[in-house]
Amino acid sequence: MHALTHRLNILSATTLVALTLAAPAAHAFADDDARRAILELRTQLQQMQSQNQQARLQLADQMDLLSQEIATLRGRVEELSQQARLAGNAQAGGNAPQQAAQAGDPQQQAAYEAAADQYRNGKYKEAASAFATFVQSYPDSELANDAQFYLGSSQYASKDFKNSIQTMQSLVKNHPDDARAPDALLVVAADQIELNDMKGAKASLQRIVKDYPKSPAAETAKSRLKLL
């Protein structure tokens, strides 16, 4: 009986020692797992930070391109204003303008010239108001299309982008064969970019290339599409 008790005591002591020795090993194993997990997390975080940095750089590049695009289209609108007189059916943005159209009615001519003077002097809000009045008062005038084009240009220059879009789209819709139609669509695209409507701007530029492939505006539209 005493011998059996002695053996049990020895066995219990041996088991306790084994468990005691095994405990640090298990604990060490758990620490290794934790270290590996931490290292993996650090690696993943570094990868995410690197990806985020690349994404920020790409976004910055895209914003720079967009800023350049807006500046280019603004310059195009100003170029149209400088190269084309405020009357006539000349195709703006290309060769020198042709002989200006004249209204049969002196009163109409005077009203148009008054609006044109406002535009020439950079008073775009006043010009927009004067051209709008002309279009409403003389919708059948020989100068109505020109007045509508410069109404839309004045609205763009005074940052009235939504109304500029409506004005230019109406001109193109009602007079698709007018010499100013492709340039009107360029102004529409510029308006849409200002409003951050890139999809709409792309569609307007594509329409120029499709419907007016031989116009100077088509070449401008092609170069602009590469940046959108």
C-alpha atoms as a PDB file:
ATOM      1  CA  MET A   1       0.000   0.000   0.000  1.00  0.00           C
ATOM      2  CA  HIS A   2       2.759   2.390   0.911  1.00  0.00           C
ATOM      3  CA  ALA A   3       4.665   1.376  -2.243  1.00  0.00           C
ATOM      4  CA  LEU A   4       1.627   2.146  -4.412  1.00  0.00           C
ATOM      5  CA  THR A   5       1.192   5.519  -2.754  1.00  0.00           C
ATOM      6  CA  HIS A   6       4.877   6.250  -3.276  1.00  0.00           C
ATOM      7  CA  ARG A   7       4.605   5.385  -6.986  1.00  0.00           C
ATOM      8  CA  LEU A   8       1.581   7.653  -7.401  1.00  0.00           C
ATOM      9  CA  ASN A   9       3.404  10.499  -5.733  1.00  0.00           C
ATOM     10  CA  ILE A  10       6.380  10.030  -8.072  1.00  0.00           C
ATOM     11  CA  LEU A  11       4.058   9.907 -11.101  1.00  0.00           C
ATOM     12  CA  SER A  12       2.255  13.069 -10.022  1.00  0.00           C
ATOM     13  CA  ALA A  13       5.517  14.885  -9.482  1.00  0.00           C
ATOM     14  CA  THR A  14       6.791  13.782 -12.886  1.00  0.00           C
ATOM     15  CA  THR A  15       3.581  14.941 -14.605  1.00  0.00           C
ATOM     16  CA  LEU A  16       3.737  18.292 -12.830  1.00  0.00           C
ATOM     17  CA  VAL A  17       7.332  18.797 -13.901  1.00  0.00           C
ATOM     18  CA  ALA A  18       6.429  17.912 -17.507  1.00  0.00           C
ATOM     19  CA  LEU A  19       3.532  20.308 -17.540  1.00  0.00           C
ATOM     20  CA  THR A  20       5.666  23.006 -15.980  1.00  0.00           C
ATOM     21  CA  LEU A  21       8.356  22.536 -18.623  1.00  0.00           C
ATOM     22  CA  ALA A  22       5.800  22.459 -21.440  1.00  0.00           C
ATOM     23  CA  ALA A  23       4.072  25.679 -20.374  1.00  0.00           C
ATOM     24  CA  PRO A  24       6.908  28.051 -21.392  1.00  0.00           C
ATOM     25  CA  ALA A  25       7.182  26.264 -24.751  1.00  0.00           C
ATOM     26  CA  ALA A  26       3.484  26.742 -25.421  1.00  0.00           C
ATOM     27  CA  HIS A  27       3.748  30.340 -24.312  1.00  0.00           C
ATOM     28  CA  ALA A  28       6.723  30.869 -26.597  1.00  0.00           C
ATOM     29  CA  PHE A  29       4.788  29.307 -29.470  1.00  0.00           C
ATOM     30  CA  ALA A  30       1.943  31.757 -28.883  1.00  0.00           C
ATOM     31  CA  ASP A  31       4.416  34.674 -28.861  1.00  0.00           C
ATOM     32  CA  ASP A  32       5.846  33.565 -32.199  1.00  0.00           C
ATOM     33  CA  ASP A  33       2.373  33.500 -33.716  1.00  0.00           C
ATOM     34  CA  ALA A  34       1.682  36.975 -32.393  1.00  0.00           C
ATOM     35  CA  ARG A  35       4.982  38.283 -33.775  1.00  0.00           C
ATOM     36  CA  ARG A  36       4.228  36.816 -37.187  1.00  0.00           C
ATOM     37  CA  ALA A  37       0.741  38.316 -37.142  1.00  0.00           C
ATOM     38  CA  ILE A  38       2.165  41.722 -36.217  1.00  0.00           C
ATOM     39  CA  LEU A  39       4.770  41.493 -38.980  1.00  0.00           C
ATOM     40  CA  GLU A  40       2.092  40.540 -41.495  1.00  0.00           C
ATOM     41  CA  LEU A  41      -0.070  43.448 -40.405  1.00  0.00           C
ATOM     42  CA  ARG A  42       2.881  45.812 -40.692  1.00  0.00           C
ATOM     43  CA  THR A  43       3.605  44.502 -44.190  1.00  0.00           C
ATOM     44  CA  GLN A  44      -0.025  44.934 -45.204  1.00  0.00           C
ATOM     45  CA  LEU A  45      -0.104  48.464 -43.799  1.00  0.00           C
ATOM     46  CA  GLN A  46       3.060  49.365 -45.677  1.00  0.00           C
ATOM     47  CA  GLN A  47       1.555  47.999 -48.884  1.00  0.00           C
ATOM     48  CA  MET A  48      -1.660  49.937 -48.308  1.00  0.00           C
ATOM     49  CA  GLN A  49       0.286  53.121 -47.592  1.00  0.00           C
ATOM     50  CA  SER A  50       2.298  52.622 -50.769  1.00  0.00           C
ATOM     51  CA  GLN A  51      -0.890  52.041 -52.787  1.00  0.00           C
ATOM     52  CA  ASN A  52      -2.541  55.085 -51.234  1.00  0.00           C
ATOM     53  CA  GLN A  53       0.491  57.189 -52.068  1.00  0.00           C
ATOM     54  CA  GLN A  54       0.388  56.020 -55.676  1.00  0.00           C
ATOM     55  CA  ALA A  55      -3.344  56.715 -55.849  1.00  0.00           C
ATOM     56  CA  ARG A  56      -2.804  60.229 -54.485  1.00  0.00           C
ATOM     57  CA  LEU A  57      -0.081  60.866 -57.029  1.00  0.00           C
ATOM     58  CA  GLN A  58      -2.302  59.621 -59.861  1.00  0.00           C
ATOM     59  CA  LEU A  59      -5.179  61.781 -58.624  1.00  0.00           C
ATOM     60  CA  ALA A  60      -2.879  64.791 -58.465  1.00  0.00           C
ATOM     61  CA  ASP A  61      -1.776  64.135 -62.053  1.00  0.00           C
ATOM     62  CA  GLN A  62      -5.385  63.841 -63.190  1.00  0.00           C
ATOM     63  CA  MET A  63      -6.296  67.090 -61.441  1.00  0.00           C
ATOM     64  CA  ASP A  64      -3.360  68.831 -63.116  1.00  0.00           C
ATOM     65  CA  LEU A  65      -4.501  67.550 -66.512  1.00  0.00           C
ATOM     66  CA  LEU A  66      -8.049  68.673 -65.795  1.00  0.00           C
ATOM     67  CA  SER A  67      -6.840  72.133 -64.800  1.00  0.00           C
ATOM     68  CA  GLN A  68      -4.877  72.333 -68.028  1.00  0.00           C
ATOM     69  CA  GLU A  69      -7.954  71.224 -69.965  1.00  0.00           C
ATOM     70  CA  ILE A  70     -10.142  73.899 -68.379  1.00  0.00           C
ATOM     71  CA  ALA A  71      -7.503  76.545 -69.082  1.00  0.00           C
ATOM     72  CA  THR A  72      -7.195  75.376 -72.687  1.00  0.00           C
ATOM     73  CA  LEU A  73     -10.929  75.500 -73.303  1.00  0.00           C
ATOM     74  CA  ARG A  74     -11.147  78.900 -71.668  1.00  0.00           C
ATOM     75  CA  GLY A  75      -8.415  80.054 -74.003  1.00  0.00           C
ATOM     76  CA  ARG A  76     -10.319  78.590 -76.935  1.00  0.00           C
ATOM     77  CA  VAL A  77     -13.431  80.596 -76.071  1.00  0.00           C
ATOM     78  CA  GLU A  78     -11.360  83.758 -75.755  1.00  0.00           C
ATOM     79  CA  GLU A  79      -9.669  82.957 -79.058  1.00  0.00           C
ATOM     80  CA  LEU A  80     -13.070  82.663 -80.714  1.00  0.00           C
ATOM     81  CA  SER A  81     -13.992  86.053 -79.359  1.00  0.00           C
ATOM     82  CA  GLN A  82     -10.794  87.682 -80.562  1.00  0.00           C
ATOM     83  CA  GLN A  83     -10.632  86.106 -84.017  1.00  0.00           C
ATOM     84  CA  ALA A  84     -14.259  86.457 -84.987  1.00  0.00           C
ATOM     85  CA  ARG A  85     -16.079  89.745 -85.214  1.00  0.00           C
ATOM     86  CA  LEU A  86     -19.315  89.954 -83.348  1.00  0.00           C
ATOM     87  CA  ALA A  87     -21.333  89.379 -86.486  1.00  0.00           C
ATOM     88  CA  GLY A  88     -21.359  87.351 -89.644  1.00  0.00           C
ATOM     89  CA  ASN A  89     -21.287  83.699 -90.505  1.00  0.00           C
ATOM     90  CA  ALA A  90     -17.500  83.324 -90.370  1.00  0.00           C
ATOM     91  CA  GLN A  91     -16.278  80.080 -88.877  1.00  0.00           C
ATOM     92  CA  ALA A  92     -14.590  81.201 -85.701  1.00  0.00           C
ATOM     93  CA  GLY A  93     -11.321  79.778 -84.470  1.00  0.00           C
ATOM     94  CA  GLY A  94      -9.822  79.245 -87.930  1.00  0.00           C
ATOM     95  CA  ASN A  95      -9.253  81.702 -90.764  1.00  0.00           C
ATOM     96  CA  ALA A  96      -9.907  85.407 -90.701  1.00  0.00           C
ATOM     97  CA  PRO A  97     -13.618  86.257 -90.413  1.00  0.00           C
ATOM     98  CA  GLN A  98     -15.635  87.063 -93.487  1.00  0.00           C
ATOM     99  CA  GLN A  99     -17.674  90.166 -94.136  1.00  0.00           C
ATOM    100  CA  ALA A 100     -20.084  90.741 -91.253  1.00  0.00           C
ATOM    101  CA  ALA A 101     -23.762  90.202 -91.868  1.00  0.00           C
ATOM    102  CA  GLN A 102     -25.949  93.256 -91.665  1.00  0.00           C
ATOM    103  CA  ALA A 103     -29.487  93.550 -90.366  1.00  0.00           C
ATOM    104  CA  GLY A 104     -31.970  95.056 -92.806  1.00  0.00           C
ATOM    105  CA  ASP A 105     -33.490  97.100 -90.013  1.00  0.00           C
ATOM    106  CA  PRO A 106     -31.230  99.904 -88.674  1.00  0.00           C
ATOM    107  CA  GLN A 107     -32.851  99.530 -85.281  1.00  0.00           C
ATOM    108  CA  GLN A 108     -31.838  95.875 -85.150  1.00  0.00           C
ATOM    109  CA  GLN A 109     -28.327  96.743 -86.270  1.00  0.00           C
ATOM    110  CA  ALA A 110     -28.000  99.375 -83.564  1.00  0.00           C
ATOM    111  CA  ALA A 111     -29.230  96.975 -80.879  1.00  0.00           C
ATOM    112  CA  TYR A 112     -26.780  94.329 -82.012  1.00  0.00           C
ATOM    113  CA  GLU A 113     -23.847  96.743 -82.112  1.00  0.00           C
ATOM    114  CA  ALA A 114     -24.686  97.971 -78.619  1.00  0.00           C
ATOM    115  CA  ALA A 115     -24.512  94.413 -77.298  1.00  0.00           C
ATOM    116  CA  ALA A 116     -21.309  93.825 -79.275  1.00  0.00           C
ATOM    117  CA  ASP A 117     -19.671  96.875 -77.715  1.00  0.00           C
ATOM    118  CA  GLN A 118     -20.414  95.524 -74.247  1.00  0.00           C
ATOM    119  CA  TYR A 119     -18.835  92.228 -75.223  1.00  0.00           C
ATOM    120  CA  ARG A 120     -15.746  93.871 -76.750  1.00  0.00           C
ATOM    121  CA  ASN A 121     -15.221  95.840 -73.555  1.00  0.00           C
ATOM    122  CA  GLY A 122     -15.337  92.717 -71.404  1.00  0.00           C
ATOM    123  CA  LYS A 123     -18.664  93.602 -69.802  1.00  0.00           C
ATOM    124  CA  TYR A 124     -19.983  90.078 -70.193  1.00  0.00           C
ATOM    125  CA  LYS A 125     -22.982  90.243 -67.880  1.00  0.00           C
ATOM    126  CA  GLU A 126     -24.200  93.380 -69.593  1.00  0.00           C
ATOM    127  CA  ALA A 127     -23.484  91.824 -72.986  1.00  0.00           C
ATOM    128  CA  ALA A 128     -25.419  88.689 -72.060  1.00  0.00           C
ATOM    129  CA  SER A 129     -28.415  90.777 -71.075  1.00  0.00           C
ATOM    130  CA  ALA A 130     -28.227  92.835 -74.285  1.00  0.00           C
ATOM    131  CA  PHE A 131     -27.836  89.797 -76.553  1.00  0.00           C
ATOM    132  CA  ALA A 132     -30.698  88.011 -74.765  1.00  0.00           C
ATOM    133  CA  THR A 133     -32.924  91.017 -75.361  1.00  0.00           C
ATOM    134  CA  PHE A 134     -31.910  91.070 -79.026  1.00  0.00           C
ATOM    135  CA  VAL A 135     -32.702  87.366 -79.516  1.00  0.00           C
ATOM    136  CA  GLN A 136     -36.090  87.770 -77.860  1.00  0.00           C
ATOM    137  CA  SER A 137     -36.939  90.955 -79.755  1.00  0.00           C
ATOM    138  CA  TYR A 138     -35.675  89.897 -83.192  1.00  0.00           C
ATOM    139  CA  PRO A 139     -35.825  86.079 -83.428  1.00  0.00           C
ATOM    140  CA  ASP A 140     -35.996  86.223 -87.258  1.00  0.00           C
ATOM    141  CA  SER A 141     -33.162  88.692 -87.698  1.00  0.00           C
ATOM    142  CA  GLU A 142     -30.189  87.907 -89.941  1.00  0.00           C
ATOM    143  CA  LEU A 143     -28.091  88.455 -86.830  1.00  0.00           C
ATOM    144  CA  ALA A 144     -30.134  86.229 -84.497  1.00  0.00           C
ATOM    145  CA  ASN A 145     -27.803  83.219 -84.696  1.00  0.00           C
ATOM    146  CA  ASP A 146     -24.723  85.349 -84.130  1.00  0.00           C
ATOM    147  CA  ALA A 147     -26.421  87.080 -81.219  1.00  0.00           C
ATOM    148  CA  GLN A 148     -27.314  83.704 -79.693  1.00  0.00           C
ATOM    149  CA  PHE A 149     -23.737  82.450 -80.071  1.00  0.00           C
ATOM    150  CA  TYR A 150     -22.339  85.502 -78.304  1.00  0.00           C
ATOM    151  CA  LEU A 151     -25.074  85.301 -75.715  1.00  0.00           C
ATOM    152  CA  GLY A 152     -23.811  81.799 -74.824  1.00  0.00           C
ATOM    153  CA  SER A 153     -20.200  83.021 -74.912  1.00  0.00           C
ATOM    154  CA  SER A 154     -21.065  85.947 -72.641  1.00  0.00           C
ATOM    155  CA  GLN A 155     -22.797  83.609 -70.219  1.00  0.00           C
ATOM    156  CA  TYR A 156     -19.751  81.363 -70.158  1.00  0.00           C
ATOM    157  CA  ALA A 157     -17.402  84.310 -69.603  1.00  0.00           C
ATOM    158  CA  SER A 158     -19.547  85.494 -66.682  1.00  0.00           C
ATOM    159  CA  LYS A 159     -19.576  81.941 -65.212  1.00  0.00           C
ATOM    160  CA  ASP A 160     -23.271  81.395 -65.913  1.00  0.00           C
ATOM    161  CA  PHE A 161     -22.424  77.897 -67.121  1.00  0.00           C
ATOM    162  CA  LYS A 162     -25.860  76.247 -66.989  1.00  0.00           C
ATOM    163  CA  ASN A 163     -27.551  78.958 -69.024  1.00  0.00           C
ATOM    164  CA  SER A 164     -24.622  78.985 -71.439  1.00  0.00           C
ATOM    165  CA  ILE A 165     -25.181  75.270 -72.066  1.00  0.00           C
ATOM    166  CA  GLN A 166     -28.870  75.814 -72.745  1.00  0.00           C
ATOM    167  CA  THR A 167     -28.178  78.726 -75.089  1.00  0.00           C
ATOM    168  CA  MET A 168     -25.549  76.905 -77.132  1.00  0.00           C
ATOM    169  CA  GLN A 169     -27.432  73.617 -77.269  1.00  0.00           C
ATOM    170  CA  SER A 170     -30.515  75.475 -78.502  1.00  0.00           C
ATOM    171  CA  LEU A 171     -28.442  77.108 -81.249  1.00  0.00           C
ATOM    172  CA  VAL A 172     -27.064  73.745 -82.390  1.00  0.00           C
ATOM    173  CA  LYS A 173     -30.446  72.045 -82.189  1.00  0.00           C
ATOM    174  CA  ASN A 174     -32.302  74.681 -84.183  1.00  0.00           C
ATOM    175  CA  HIS A 175     -29.482  75.518 -86.600  1.00  0.00           C
ATOM    176  CA  PRO A 176     -27.197  72.465 -86.863  1.00  0.00           C
ATOM    177  CA  ASP A 177     -25.749  73.697 -90.170  1.00  0.00           C
ATOM    178  CA  ASP A 178     -24.775  77.100 -88.844  1.00  0.00           C
ATOM    179  CA  ALA A 179     -21.051  77.790 -89.187  1.00  0.00           C
ATOM    180  CA  ARG A 180     -20.805  78.469 -85.453  1.00  0.00           C
ATOM    181  CA  ALA A 181     -22.425  75.183 -84.389  1.00  0.00           C
ATOM    182  CA  PRO A 182     -19.185  73.210 -83.783  1.00  0.00           C
ATOM    183  CA  ASP A 183     -17.682  76.088 -81.823  1.00  0.00           C
ATOM    184  CA  ALA A 184     -20.899  76.367 -79.841  1.00  0.00           C
ATOM    185  CA  LEU A 185     -20.422  72.729 -78.833  1.00  0.00           C
ATOM    186  CA  LEU A 186     -16.860  73.518 -77.754  1.00  0.00           C
ATOM    187  CA  VAL A 187     -18.254  76.145 -75.419  1.00  0.00           C
ATOM    188  CA  VAL A 188     -20.800  73.595 -74.156  1.00  0.00           C
ATOM    189  CA  ALA A 189     -17.945  71.191 -73.370  1.00  0.00           C
ATOM    190  CA  ALA A 190     -16.105  73.963 -71.529  1.00  0.00           C
ATOM    191  CA  ASP A 191     -19.257  74.719 -69.513  1.00  0.00           C
ATOM    192  CA  GLN A 192     -19.660  71.045 -68.628  1.00  0.00           C
ATOM    193  CA  ILE A 193     -16.072  70.752 -67.473  1.00  0.00           C
ATOM    194  CA  GLU A 194     -16.557  73.793 -65.246  1.00  0.00           C
ATOM    195  CA  LEU A 195     -19.595  72.011 -63.766  1.00  0.00           C
ATOM    196  CA  ASN A 196     -17.527  68.805 -63.335  1.00  0.00           C
ATOM    197  CA  ASP A 197     -19.718  66.967 -65.835  1.00  0.00           C
ATOM    198  CA  MET A 198     -16.928  65.040 -67.547  1.00  0.00           C
ATOM    199  CA  LYS A 199     -19.294  62.531 -69.127  1.00  0.00           C
ATOM    200  CA  GLY A 200     -21.306  65.319 -70.729  1.00  0.00           C
ATOM    201  CA  ALA A 201     -18.164  67.134 -71.893  1.00  0.00           C
ATOM    202  CA  LYS A 202     -16.858  63.962 -73.505  1.00  0.00           C
ATOM    203  CA  ALA A 203     -20.179  63.457 -75.315  1.00  0.00           C
ATOM    204  CA  SER A 204     -20.147  67.048 -76.599  1.00  0.00           C
ATOM    205  CA  LEU A 205     -16.596  66.721 -77.915  1.00  0.00           C
ATOM    206  CA  GLN A 206     -17.372  63.373 -79.538  1.00  0.00           C
ATOM    207  CA  ARG A 207     -20.365  64.952 -81.246  1.00  0.00           C
ATOM    208  CA  ILE A 208     -18.141  67.631 -82.781  1.00  0.00           C
ATOM    209  CA  VAL A 209     -15.793  64.992 -84.175  1.00  0.00           C
ATOM    210  CA  LYS A 210     -18.719  62.952 -85.521  1.00  0.00           C
ATOM    211  CA  ASP A 211     -21.002  65.675 -86.901  1.00  0.00           C
ATOM    212  CA  TYR A 212     -18.412  68.293 -87.925  1.00  0.00           C
ATOM    213  CA  PRO A 213     -15.282  66.274 -88.807  1.00  0.00           C
ATOM    214  CA  LYS A 214     -13.881  68.886 -91.209  1.00  0.00           C
ATOM    215  CA  SER A 215     -14.249  71.854 -88.887  1.00  0.00           C
ATOM    216  CA  PRO A 216     -11.289  73.373 -87.010  1.00  0.00           C
ATOM    217  CA  ALA A 217     -13.250  72.656 -83.830  1.00  0.00           C
ATOM    218  CA  ALA A 218     -13.000  68.915 -84.548  1.00  0.00           C
ATOM    219  CA  GLU A 219      -9.204  68.998 -84.233  1.00  0.00           C
ATOM    220  CA  THR A 220      -9.507  70.839 -80.939  1.00  0.00           C
ATOM    221  CA  ALA A 221     -12.105  68.333 -79.748  1.00  0.00           C
ATOM    222  CA  LYS A 222      -9.839  65.381 -80.572  1.00  0.00           C
ATOM    223  CA  SER A 223      -7.001  66.783 -78.506  1.00  0.00           C
ATOM    224  CA  ARG A 224      -9.330  67.555 -75.622  1.00  0.00           C
ATOM    225  CA  LEU A 225     -10.764  64.025 -75.634  1.00  0.00           C
ATOM    226  CA  LYS A 226      -7.308  62.617 -74.945  1.00  0.00           C
ATOM    227  CA  LEU A 227      -7.323  64.423 -71.597  1.00  0.00           C
ATOM    228  CA  LEU A 228     -10.769  63.317 -70.448  1.00  0.00           C
END
